[in-house]
Protein backbone atom coordinates (compact mmCIF):
# COMPACT_ATOMS: atom_id res chain seq x y z
CA TRP A 1 18.05 -20.72 6.75
CA ASP A 2 16.50 -24.18 6.33
CA GLN A 3 15.79 -24.47 2.60
CA ALA A 4 13.43 -27.41 3.14
CA TYR A 5 11.36 -25.27 5.53
CA LEU A 6 11.35 -22.41 3.04
CA SER A 7 10.29 -24.70 0.17
CA LYS A 8 7.46 -26.06 2.29
CA ALA A 9 6.36 -22.52 3.15
CA LEU A 10 6.27 -21.58 -0.54
CA GLN A 11 4.20 -24.66 -1.33
CA GLN A 12 1.78 -23.79 1.48
CA MET A 13 0.79 -20.53 -0.18
CA LYS A 14 -2.48 -22.10 -1.32
CA ASP A 15 -5.02 -20.23 -3.38
CA SER A 16 -7.69 -20.67 -0.69
CA GLU A 17 -5.54 -18.75 1.81
CA ILE A 18 -4.21 -16.21 -0.66
CA SER A 19 -7.70 -15.28 -1.86
CA LYS A 20 -8.40 -13.80 1.58
CA LEU A 21 -5.75 -11.17 0.82
CA ARG A 22 -7.58 -9.90 -2.26
CA PHE A 23 -7.40 -6.14 -2.93
CA THR A 24 -10.82 -5.48 -4.42
CA PRO A 25 -11.37 -3.08 -7.35
CA THR A 26 -13.55 -0.86 -5.15
CA SER A 27 -10.68 -0.17 -2.74
CA TYR A 28 -9.47 3.05 -4.32
CA LYS A 29 -8.93 4.88 -1.04
CA PRO A 30 -5.28 5.24 -0.02
CA LEU A 31 -6.23 4.24 3.52
CA GLU A 32 -7.64 0.95 2.23
CA TYR A 33 -4.31 0.28 0.52
CA ALA A 34 -2.45 0.96 3.77
CA LYS A 35 -4.63 -1.59 5.59
CA TRP A 36 -4.24 -4.11 2.77
CA ILE A 37 -0.45 -3.88 2.53
CA LYS A 38 -0.16 -4.28 6.30
CA THR A 39 -2.26 -7.47 6.20
CA VAL A 40 -0.26 -8.95 3.32
CA THR A 41 3.05 -8.07 5.00
CA THR A 42 1.98 -9.73 8.26
CA THR A 43 0.92 -12.84 6.33
CA MET A 44 4.21 -13.05 4.43
CA LYS A 45 6.23 -12.76 7.64
CA GLY A 46 4.10 -15.50 9.17
CA LEU A 47 4.82 -17.89 6.29
CA HIS A 48 8.61 -17.68 6.64
CA PRO A 49 11.10 -15.00 7.79
CA GLU A 50 12.86 -15.06 4.41
CA ILE A 51 9.59 -14.61 2.50
CA GLY A 52 8.78 -11.72 4.84
CA ARG A 53 12.20 -10.15 4.27
CA TYR A 54 11.91 -10.47 0.51
CA TRP A 55 8.37 -9.04 0.50
CA GLN A 56 9.56 -6.07 2.55
CA ALA A 57 12.31 -5.41 -0.02
CA VAL A 58 9.66 -5.51 -2.78
CA CYS A 59 7.49 -3.02 -0.86
CA THR A 60 10.41 -0.67 -0.30
CA LEU A 61 11.35 -0.68 -3.99
CA ALA A 62 7.71 -0.14 -5.05
CA GLU A 63 7.39 2.81 -2.65
CA LYS A 64 10.63 4.36 -3.93
CA THR A 65 9.31 4.05 -7.48
CA TYR A 66 6.01 5.63 -6.44
CA GLU A 67 7.86 8.57 -4.86
CA ARG A 68 9.67 9.07 -8.17
CA TYR A 69 6.28 9.15 -9.85
CA LEU A 70 4.94 11.77 -7.43
CA ASN A 71 8.03 13.95 -7.82
CA ALA A 72 8.56 13.57 -11.59
CA LEU A 73 5.56 15.53 -12.81
CA SER A 74 6.81 15.45 -16.40
CA PHE A 75 6.50 11.66 -16.57
CA THR A 76 3.45 9.47 -16.69
CA TRP A 77 3.21 6.44 -14.39
CA VAL A 78 3.56 4.12 -17.41
CA SER A 79 7.06 5.36 -18.21
CA ILE A 80 8.42 4.80 -14.69
CA PHE A 81 9.80 1.42 -13.63
CA PRO A 82 11.61 0.13 -10.53
CA SER A 83 15.31 0.82 -11.03
CA GLU A 84 16.55 -2.28 -9.24
CA VAL A 85 16.02 -6.05 -9.27
CA VAL A 86 15.22 -7.57 -5.88
CA ALA A 87 15.88 -11.23 -6.75
CA SER A 88 19.61 -11.98 -6.90
CA THR A 89 19.80 -15.67 -5.90
CA PRO A 90 18.01 -18.84 -7.07
CA ILE A 91 16.03 -18.96 -3.82
CA GLU A 92 14.98 -15.32 -4.19
CA GLU A 93 13.96 -16.01 -7.79
CA ARG A 94 11.69 -18.80 -6.51
CA ILE A 95 10.16 -16.43 -3.94
CA GLU A 96 9.72 -13.75 -6.61
CA SER A 97 7.99 -16.22 -8.91
CA ARG A 98 5.60 -17.43 -6.20
CA LEU A 99 4.80 -13.90 -5.04
CA ARG A 100 4.17 -12.83 -8.64
CA MET A 101 1.64 -15.65 -8.98
CA MET A 102 0.05 -14.52 -5.71
CA LEU A 103 -0.23 -10.89 -6.85
CA THR A 104 -1.77 -12.00 -10.14
CA THR A 105 -4.46 -13.72 -8.08
CA ILE A 106 -5.21 -11.04 -5.47
CA LEU A 107 -4.76 -7.78 -7.39
CA PRO A 108 -7.58 -6.20 -9.42
CA GLN A 109 -7.55 -7.44 -13.01
CA ALA A 110 -7.18 -3.84 -14.20
CA ILE A 111 -3.68 -3.78 -12.66
CA VAL A 112 -2.77 -7.24 -13.90
CA ARG A 113 -3.73 -6.21 -17.46
CA GLN A 114 -1.65 -3.04 -17.16
CA CYS A 115 1.36 -5.19 -16.30
CA ASP A 116 0.86 -7.25 -19.46
CA ASP A 117 2.61 -4.48 -21.40
CA CYS A 118 5.79 -5.17 -19.41
CA GLU A 119 7.91 -8.16 -20.31
CA ASP A 120 8.00 -10.34 -17.19
CA ALA A 121 6.71 -7.65 -14.79
CA SER A 122 8.33 -7.92 -11.38
CA CYS A 123 6.51 -7.97 -8.05
CA ALA A 124 7.82 -4.47 -7.36
CA GLN A 125 6.40 -3.25 -10.67
CA MET A 126 3.01 -4.79 -9.92
CA LEU A 127 2.97 -3.30 -6.44
CA TYR A 128 4.02 0.11 -7.77
CA ARG A 129 1.11 0.09 -10.18
CA THR A 130 -1.16 -0.89 -7.29
CA LEU A 131 0.03 2.21 -5.45
CA VAL A 132 -0.88 4.33 -8.48
CA PHE A 133 -4.22 2.52 -8.68
CA ALA A 134 -4.90 3.28 -5.00
CA GLY A 135 -4.56 6.93 -5.88
CA PRO A 136 -1.89 9.60 -5.93
CA ALA A 137 -2.82 12.93 -4.43
CA SER A 138 -5.53 13.75 -6.93
CA LYS A 139 -7.86 16.71 -6.42
CA GLU A 140 -10.49 14.41 -4.94
CA ASP A 141 -7.91 12.82 -2.64
CA TYR A 142 -6.66 16.24 -1.51
CA VAL A 143 -10.19 17.47 -0.75
CA LYS A 144 -10.82 14.36 1.37
CA MET A 145 -7.58 14.87 3.30
CA LEU A 146 -8.40 18.52 3.89
CA ASP A 147 -11.93 17.66 4.97
CA THR A 148 -10.65 15.07 7.46
CA LEU A 149 -8.19 17.53 8.98
CA THR A 150 -10.19 20.78 9.05
CA LYS A 151 -13.90 19.98 9.23
CA PRO A 152 -14.87 19.67 12.92
CA ARG A 153 -17.42 16.94 13.59
CA ARG A 154 -18.50 15.03 16.65
CA ILE A 155 -17.58 11.38 16.47
CA GLU A 156 -19.26 8.54 18.31
CA LEU A 157 -17.11 6.84 20.90
CA ASP A 158 -17.03 3.47 19.15
CA LYS A 159 -15.86 5.14 15.92
CA LEU A 160 -13.22 7.35 17.53
CA TYR A 161 -10.28 4.96 17.13
CA ASN A 162 -10.72 4.60 13.37
CA ALA A 163 -11.30 8.35 13.05
CA MET A 164 -7.96 9.06 14.76
CA ILE A 165 -6.21 6.65 12.39
CA GLU A 166 -7.74 8.47 9.41
CA PHE A 167 -6.72 11.83 10.89
CA ARG A 168 -3.12 10.74 11.32
CA PHE A 169 -3.04 9.10 7.90
CA ALA A 170 -4.42 12.23 6.20
CA ARG A 171 -1.87 14.47 7.92
CA THR A 172 1.07 12.21 7.02
CA ARG A 173 -0.10 11.76 3.44
CA MET A 174 -0.64 15.46 2.89
CA LYS A 175 2.92 16.16 3.97
CA LYS A 176 4.32 13.30 1.87
CA CYS A 177 2.52 14.53 -1.24
CA GLY A 178 3.97 18.01 -0.84
CA TYR A 179 0.86 19.91 0.27
CA ARG A 180 1.05 22.53 2.97
CA ALA A 181 -0.56 21.26 6.14
CA PRO A 182 -3.46 23.23 7.69
CA GLU A 183 -2.68 25.62 10.54
CA SER A 184 -2.17 24.00 13.94
CA SER A 185 -5.18 25.90 15.30
CA GLN A 186 -7.40 24.29 12.65
CA LEU A 187 -6.12 20.83 13.49
CA PHE A 188 -6.67 21.49 17.19
CA ASP A 189 -10.26 22.63 16.63
CA THR A 190 -11.00 19.50 14.58
CA LEU A 191 -9.62 17.23 17.28
CA LYS A 192 -11.32 19.16 20.05
CA VAL A 193 -14.77 18.63 18.54
CA ALA A 194 -14.02 15.02 17.62
CA LEU A 195 -13.04 14.18 21.21
CA VAL A 196 -16.20 15.61 22.80
CA ALA A 197 -17.44 12.03 23.31
CA LEU A 198 -14.62 11.45 25.80
CA SER A 199 -15.64 14.33 28.08
């Protein structure tokens, strides 16, 4: 790739633009994290293909680490770290450094402070801790997922699209976190009532 173009793209990651990607401390809901990570990923790809590729590798490593956290019930999130290093070339080290500065700016300070206990915390480590911050399948999270999937409610037509996204997200997340999904008949009844506005 054109290194001059990549260098220019890294320099163009101005604070005024990056601040729009801020993940606010009130965004605890897993769905809010999913929306946030999608926006950041799209922005990184738009800056430069190589930045987008590197960011995707960071996301993949953070998600793998998070899955270890969900599966290793005997460990706390503090004792789990990404097992790999994404940056392996001087250019990738520059991208890592710039992305780390970006994350320090846009992540909640609670996460940034947590990463202070790690010597030179990587982007993957910071993103992993953001995943934990957004919420593993806690009791409250589970109840919300179950409520979304099994509590029939009529939904206004203009809110139906977002409701279907939440439904799909809840079903996928419940399966990923190891919970048994509700019976198909329950899911059908929930959808049937929700879609009344279309009839």
